[in-house]
Amino acid sequence: MTERKADAPVQADLRRTLRAPLLVRKVRLEDAREVFFGYSKNLSRGGMFIATVNPLEPGSRVIVDIPLPPPRKESVRCECEVVWKRPYHPDSRYDPGMGLKFIDISEAATDIINNWVRESES
């Protein structure tokens, strides 16, 4: 897998689905059973970006718990793969972090995400 340049923005023309900002409360590394918190700049049907100064390596897998904000009481839990990372650089105008792709997500969870993104856009 290729690593993105530190200052490279996400290509808008590569995005096929709507996105909405979301605070992610818990991301757990599958292997180490380590828990860390991150802020997601966007969430879509296919994945999400998590801003963090310590992005994981592409190919890493994590379990993500996504509690949707009120008034929704739902949350989504699924396995994701890191597909790219943007390391911290003090001169960069872009947030450091990593792009995650959902790889094990139920159709019900996908529907929850789609509905939430649509509601956030209106």
N, C-alpha and C. Protein backbone atom coordinates (compact mmCIF):
# COMPACT_ATOMS: atom_id res chain seq x y z
N MET A 1 0.84 -1.17 0.00
CA MET A 1 0.00 0.00 0.00
C MET A 1 0.88 1.23 0.00
N THR A 2 0.39 2.28 -0.59
CA THR A 2 1.19 3.49 -0.65
C THR A 2 0.84 4.41 0.49
N GLU A 3 1.82 5.19 0.89
CA GLU A 3 1.62 6.15 1.98
C GLU A 3 1.37 7.52 1.35
N ARG A 4 0.40 8.24 1.86
CA ARG A 4 0.07 9.56 1.34
C ARG A 4 1.13 10.56 1.79
N LYS A 5 1.32 11.61 1.01
CA LYS A 5 2.23 12.68 1.41
C LYS A 5 1.64 13.42 2.59
N ALA A 6 2.50 13.95 3.45
CA ALA A 6 2.05 14.60 4.68
C ALA A 6 1.11 15.77 4.41
N ASP A 7 1.31 16.50 3.32
CA ASP A 7 0.47 17.66 3.04
C ASP A 7 -0.64 17.37 2.04
N ALA A 8 -0.82 16.13 1.68
CA ALA A 8 -1.80 15.81 0.65
C ALA A 8 -3.21 15.79 1.21
N PRO A 9 -4.11 16.62 0.63
CA PRO A 9 -5.51 16.58 1.05
C PRO A 9 -6.19 15.35 0.47
N VAL A 10 -7.30 14.96 1.04
CA VAL A 10 -8.09 13.87 0.48
C VAL A 10 -8.68 14.37 -0.83
N GLN A 11 -8.58 13.59 -1.86
CA GLN A 11 -9.08 13.98 -3.16
C GLN A 11 -10.60 13.96 -3.18
N ALA A 12 -11.21 15.11 -3.36
CA ALA A 12 -12.68 15.22 -3.35
C ALA A 12 -13.30 14.40 -4.47
N ASP A 13 -12.63 14.32 -5.64
CA ASP A 13 -13.22 13.61 -6.76
C ASP A 13 -13.18 12.10 -6.56
N LEU A 14 -12.43 11.60 -5.59
CA LEU A 14 -12.39 10.17 -5.31
C LEU A 14 -13.51 9.74 -4.37
N ARG A 15 -14.19 10.68 -3.75
CA ARG A 15 -15.24 10.37 -2.80
C ARG A 15 -16.52 10.08 -3.54
N ARG A 16 -17.05 8.90 -3.34
CA ARG A 16 -18.26 8.49 -4.03
C ARG A 16 -19.50 8.60 -3.17
N THR A 17 -19.33 8.84 -1.88
CA THR A 17 -20.47 8.87 -0.98
C THR A 17 -20.46 10.12 -0.12
N LEU A 18 -21.64 10.49 0.38
CA LEU A 18 -21.75 11.64 1.26
C LEU A 18 -20.96 11.40 2.54
N ARG A 19 -20.51 12.49 3.16
CA ARG A 19 -19.75 12.41 4.41
C ARG A 19 -20.31 13.42 5.39
N ALA A 20 -20.10 13.14 6.68
CA ALA A 20 -20.51 14.06 7.74
C ALA A 20 -19.48 13.99 8.86
N PRO A 21 -19.24 15.11 9.58
CA PRO A 21 -18.29 15.09 10.70
C PRO A 21 -18.86 14.30 11.87
N LEU A 22 -17.98 13.69 12.65
CA LEU A 22 -18.44 12.87 13.76
C LEU A 22 -17.32 12.69 14.77
N LEU A 23 -17.64 12.79 16.05
CA LEU A 23 -16.69 12.50 17.10
C LEU A 23 -16.71 11.00 17.38
N VAL A 24 -15.56 10.37 17.25
CA VAL A 24 -15.45 8.94 17.51
C VAL A 24 -14.94 8.79 18.93
N ARG A 25 -15.69 8.10 19.76
CA ARG A 25 -15.32 8.01 21.17
C ARG A 25 -14.36 6.87 21.48
N LYS A 26 -14.41 5.80 20.72
CA LYS A 26 -13.54 4.68 21.08
C LYS A 26 -13.07 3.96 19.83
N VAL A 27 -11.76 3.80 19.71
CA VAL A 27 -11.17 2.98 18.66
C VAL A 27 -10.23 2.01 19.36
N ARG A 28 -10.43 0.73 19.12
CA ARG A 28 -9.62 -0.27 19.83
C ARG A 28 -8.78 -1.05 18.84
N LEU A 29 -7.48 -1.12 19.11
CA LEU A 29 -6.61 -1.96 18.31
C LEU A 29 -6.97 -3.41 18.55
N GLU A 30 -7.15 -4.15 17.50
CA GLU A 30 -7.57 -5.54 17.63
C GLU A 30 -6.52 -6.41 18.30
N ASP A 31 -5.26 -6.25 17.94
CA ASP A 31 -4.21 -7.13 18.47
C ASP A 31 -3.82 -6.78 19.90
N ALA A 32 -3.47 -5.52 20.13
CA ALA A 32 -2.90 -5.12 21.41
C ALA A 32 -3.95 -4.85 22.48
N ARG A 33 -5.20 -4.83 22.10
CA ARG A 33 -6.29 -4.50 23.03
C ARG A 33 -6.06 -3.14 23.67
N GLU A 34 -5.48 -2.27 22.89
CA GLU A 34 -5.20 -0.91 23.31
C GLU A 34 -6.38 -0.04 22.91
N VAL A 35 -6.73 0.93 23.74
CA VAL A 35 -7.83 1.83 23.42
C VAL A 35 -7.30 3.24 23.26
N PHE A 36 -7.69 3.89 22.18
CA PHE A 36 -7.35 5.30 22.05
C PHE A 36 -8.54 6.02 21.45
N PHE A 37 -8.57 7.32 21.62
CA PHE A 37 -9.68 8.14 21.18
C PHE A 37 -9.23 8.98 19.99
N GLY A 38 -10.16 9.23 19.09
CA GLY A 38 -9.83 10.05 17.94
C GLY A 38 -11.02 10.89 17.53
N TYR A 39 -10.76 11.88 16.69
CA TYR A 39 -11.81 12.73 16.16
C TYR A 39 -11.91 12.44 14.68
N SER A 40 -13.11 12.13 14.23
CA SER A 40 -13.30 11.87 12.82
C SER A 40 -13.77 13.13 12.12
N LYS A 41 -13.04 13.52 11.09
CA LYS A 41 -13.43 14.68 10.30
C LYS A 41 -14.61 14.35 9.41
N ASN A 42 -14.75 13.10 9.03
CA ASN A 42 -15.89 12.72 8.20
C ASN A 42 -16.16 11.24 8.33
N LEU A 43 -17.38 10.90 8.00
CA LEU A 43 -17.86 9.52 8.07
C LEU A 43 -18.68 9.28 6.82
N SER A 44 -18.49 8.16 6.17
CA SER A 44 -19.28 7.82 4.99
C SER A 44 -19.62 6.34 5.03
N ARG A 45 -20.37 5.91 4.05
CA ARG A 45 -20.76 4.50 3.95
C ARG A 45 -19.53 3.58 3.86
N GLY A 46 -18.45 4.06 3.24
CA GLY A 46 -17.30 3.21 3.01
C GLY A 46 -16.18 3.29 4.02
N GLY A 47 -16.18 4.36 4.84
CA GLY A 47 -15.09 4.49 5.80
C GLY A 47 -15.08 5.84 6.47
N MET A 48 -13.92 6.19 7.06
CA MET A 48 -13.82 7.44 7.79
C MET A 48 -12.37 7.87 7.92
N PHE A 49 -12.18 9.16 8.23
CA PHE A 49 -10.87 9.69 8.54
C PHE A 49 -10.82 9.96 10.04
N ILE A 50 -9.78 9.47 10.70
CA ILE A 50 -9.60 9.74 12.12
C ILE A 50 -8.35 10.59 12.29
N ALA A 51 -8.53 11.78 12.87
CA ALA A 51 -7.41 12.68 13.13
C ALA A 51 -6.69 12.20 14.40
N THR A 52 -5.39 11.97 14.28
CA THR A 52 -4.57 11.53 15.39
C THR A 52 -3.11 11.84 15.06
N VAL A 53 -2.32 12.20 16.07
CA VAL A 53 -0.90 12.46 15.83
C VAL A 53 -0.10 11.17 15.71
N ASN A 54 -0.72 10.04 16.02
CA ASN A 54 -0.04 8.74 15.92
C ASN A 54 -0.82 7.80 15.02
N PRO A 55 -0.89 8.08 13.71
CA PRO A 55 -1.65 7.20 12.84
C PRO A 55 -0.99 5.82 12.73
N LEU A 56 -1.82 4.82 12.57
CA LEU A 56 -1.33 3.46 12.40
C LEU A 56 -0.83 3.25 10.98
N GLU A 57 -0.09 2.18 10.79
CA GLU A 57 0.44 1.86 9.47
C GLU A 57 -0.66 1.32 8.57
N PRO A 58 -0.61 1.64 7.27
CA PRO A 58 -1.56 1.03 6.33
C PRO A 58 -1.51 -0.49 6.42
N GLY A 59 -2.66 -1.09 6.37
CA GLY A 59 -2.77 -2.54 6.52
C GLY A 59 -3.16 -2.96 7.92
N SER A 60 -2.99 -2.06 8.91
CA SER A 60 -3.40 -2.36 10.29
C SER A 60 -4.91 -2.48 10.35
N ARG A 61 -5.38 -3.32 11.26
CA ARG A 61 -6.83 -3.49 11.44
C ARG A 61 -7.21 -3.06 12.84
N VAL A 62 -8.35 -2.38 12.94
CA VAL A 62 -8.86 -1.90 14.22
C VAL A 62 -10.35 -2.16 14.30
N ILE A 63 -10.83 -2.27 15.51
CA ILE A 63 -12.27 -2.31 15.77
C ILE A 63 -12.68 -0.89 16.14
N VAL A 64 -13.71 -0.38 15.49
CA VAL A 64 -14.16 0.98 15.72
C VAL A 64 -15.57 0.96 16.31
N ASP A 65 -15.75 1.68 17.41
CA ASP A 65 -17.07 1.91 17.99
C ASP A 65 -17.44 3.35 17.66
N ILE A 66 -18.56 3.53 16.99
CA ILE A 66 -18.99 4.86 16.57
C ILE A 66 -20.34 5.17 17.22
N PRO A 67 -20.34 5.87 18.35
CA PRO A 67 -21.61 6.28 18.94
C PRO A 67 -22.12 7.52 18.22
N LEU A 68 -23.28 7.43 17.61
CA LEU A 68 -23.82 8.57 16.89
C LEU A 68 -24.38 9.58 17.88
N PRO A 69 -24.23 10.87 17.58
CA PRO A 69 -24.67 11.90 18.51
C PRO A 69 -26.18 11.99 18.62
N PRO A 70 -26.67 12.59 19.72
CA PRO A 70 -28.11 12.77 19.91
C PRO A 70 -28.70 13.53 18.73
N PRO A 71 -29.93 13.27 18.39
CA PRO A 71 -30.91 12.51 19.17
C PRO A 71 -30.84 11.00 18.95
N ARG A 72 -29.95 10.55 18.07
CA ARG A 72 -29.83 9.11 17.83
C ARG A 72 -29.21 8.43 19.05
N LYS A 73 -29.66 7.22 19.31
CA LYS A 73 -29.10 6.45 20.42
C LYS A 73 -28.35 5.23 19.90
N GLU A 74 -28.18 5.17 18.58
CA GLU A 74 -27.52 4.03 17.98
C GLU A 74 -26.01 4.20 17.99
N SER A 75 -25.34 3.09 17.88
CA SER A 75 -23.90 3.13 17.66
C SER A 75 -23.57 2.04 16.65
N VAL A 76 -22.44 2.20 16.01
CA VAL A 76 -21.99 1.25 15.00
C VAL A 76 -20.65 0.72 15.45
N ARG A 77 -20.48 -0.59 15.34
CA ARG A 77 -19.21 -1.23 15.69
C ARG A 77 -18.82 -2.09 14.50
N CYS A 78 -17.59 -1.91 14.03
CA CYS A 78 -17.16 -2.72 12.89
C CYS A 78 -15.64 -2.78 12.83
N GLU A 79 -15.16 -3.70 12.02
CA GLU A 79 -13.72 -3.82 11.78
C GLU A 79 -13.35 -2.93 10.61
N CYS A 80 -12.19 -2.27 10.73
CA CYS A 80 -11.71 -1.38 9.68
C CYS A 80 -10.25 -1.69 9.37
N GLU A 81 -9.84 -1.28 8.19
CA GLU A 81 -8.44 -1.39 7.79
C GLU A 81 -7.91 0.00 7.50
N VAL A 82 -6.71 0.28 7.98
CA VAL A 82 -6.05 1.55 7.67
C VAL A 82 -5.60 1.47 6.22
N VAL A 83 -6.07 2.40 5.38
CA VAL A 83 -5.70 2.37 3.97
C VAL A 83 -4.67 3.44 3.61
N TRP A 84 -4.58 4.48 4.43
CA TRP A 84 -3.53 5.49 4.25
C TRP A 84 -3.31 6.23 5.55
N LYS A 85 -2.16 6.88 5.66
CA LYS A 85 -1.88 7.68 6.85
C LYS A 85 -1.23 8.99 6.44
N ARG A 86 -1.42 9.99 7.29
CA ARG A 86 -0.79 11.30 7.12
C ARG A 86 -0.11 11.62 8.44
N PRO A 87 1.23 11.47 8.52
CA PRO A 87 1.95 11.73 9.76
C PRO A 87 1.88 13.21 10.15
N TYR A 88 2.14 13.46 11.43
CA TYR A 88 2.19 14.83 11.92
C TYR A 88 3.40 15.55 11.33
N HIS A 89 3.18 16.76 10.90
CA HIS A 89 4.27 17.61 10.46
C HIS A 89 3.92 19.03 10.90
N PRO A 90 4.82 19.69 11.64
CA PRO A 90 4.48 21.00 12.23
C PRO A 90 4.13 22.08 11.21
N ASP A 91 4.59 21.95 9.98
CA ASP A 91 4.31 22.96 8.96
C ASP A 91 3.10 22.63 8.09
N SER A 92 2.48 21.49 8.33
CA SER A 92 1.35 21.07 7.50
C SER A 92 0.08 21.81 7.90
N ARG A 93 -0.73 22.13 6.92
CA ARG A 93 -2.03 22.74 7.20
C ARG A 93 -3.13 21.68 7.31
N TYR A 94 -2.77 20.44 7.12
CA TYR A 94 -3.73 19.34 7.21
C TYR A 94 -3.54 18.56 8.50
N ASP A 95 -4.64 18.07 9.05
CA ASP A 95 -4.57 17.27 10.27
C ASP A 95 -3.85 15.95 10.01
N PRO A 96 -3.01 15.53 10.96
CA PRO A 96 -2.44 14.19 10.84
C PRO A 96 -3.53 13.17 11.14
N GLY A 97 -3.37 11.99 10.61
CA GLY A 97 -4.37 10.96 10.89
C GLY A 97 -4.29 9.81 9.92
N MET A 98 -5.42 9.11 9.82
CA MET A 98 -5.46 7.92 8.97
C MET A 98 -6.84 7.74 8.36
N GLY A 99 -6.83 7.19 7.16
CA GLY A 99 -8.07 6.86 6.47
C GLY A 99 -8.40 5.40 6.73
N LEU A 100 -9.61 5.15 7.22
CA LEU A 100 -10.05 3.78 7.52
C LEU A 100 -11.12 3.36 6.53
N LYS A 101 -11.05 2.11 6.11
CA LYS A 101 -12.06 1.51 5.25
C LYS A 101 -12.81 0.47 6.06
N PHE A 102 -14.14 0.53 6.04
CA PHE A 102 -14.93 -0.49 6.71
C PHE A 102 -14.76 -1.80 5.95
N ILE A 103 -14.40 -2.88 6.66
CA ILE A 103 -14.23 -4.16 5.98
C ILE A 103 -15.16 -5.23 6.52
N ASP A 104 -15.72 -5.02 7.68
CA ASP A 104 -16.67 -5.99 8.23
C ASP A 104 -17.78 -5.20 8.90
N ILE A 105 -18.77 -4.80 8.08
CA ILE A 105 -19.85 -3.97 8.58
C ILE A 105 -21.17 -4.54 8.08
N SER A 106 -22.11 -4.63 8.96
CA SER A 106 -23.41 -5.20 8.59
C SER A 106 -24.20 -4.23 7.73
N GLU A 107 -25.15 -4.75 7.01
CA GLU A 107 -26.03 -3.90 6.20
C GLU A 107 -26.83 -2.97 7.09
N ALA A 108 -27.23 -3.44 8.27
CA ALA A 108 -27.97 -2.59 9.22
C ALA A 108 -27.10 -1.41 9.67
N ALA A 109 -25.82 -1.67 9.96
CA ALA A 109 -24.92 -0.60 10.37
C ALA A 109 -24.69 0.38 9.22
N THR A 110 -24.57 -0.12 8.01
CA THR A 110 -24.42 0.75 6.84
C THR A 110 -25.64 1.64 6.68
N ASP A 111 -26.82 1.09 6.88
CA ASP A 111 -28.05 1.88 6.79
C ASP A 111 -28.09 2.97 7.87
N ILE A 112 -27.65 2.64 9.08
CA ILE A 112 -27.59 3.63 10.17
C ILE A 112 -26.67 4.79 9.77
N ILE A 113 -25.50 4.46 9.24
CA ILE A 113 -24.56 5.50 8.83
C ILE A 113 -25.15 6.34 7.70
N ASN A 114 -25.71 5.70 6.69
CA ASN A 114 -26.30 6.44 5.57
C ASN A 114 -27.39 7.39 6.04
N ASN A 115 -28.27 6.92 6.91
CA ASN A 115 -29.35 7.77 7.42
C ASN A 115 -28.80 8.95 8.20
N TRP A 116 -27.80 8.70 9.05
CA TRP A 116 -27.22 9.77 9.84
C TRP A 116 -26.54 10.82 8.96
N VAL A 117 -25.79 10.36 7.94
CA VAL A 117 -25.11 11.30 7.04
C VAL A 117 -26.13 12.14 6.29
N ARG A 118 -27.20 11.52 5.80
CA ARG A 118 -28.25 12.27 5.09
C ARG A 118 -28.88 13.31 6.01
N GLU A 119 -29.18 12.93 7.25
CA GLU A 119 -29.78 13.86 8.21
C GLU A 119 -28.82 15.00 8.53
N SER A 120 -27.54 14.72 8.59
CA SER A 120 -26.54 15.75 8.91
C SER A 120 -26.40 16.76 7.78
N GLU A 121 -26.63 16.33 6.57
CA GLU A 121 -26.51 17.20 5.41
C GLU A 121 -27.69 18.15 5.28
N SER A 122 -28.84 17.80 5.86
CA SER A 122 -30.04 18.64 5.69
C SER A 122 -30.20 19.67 6.78
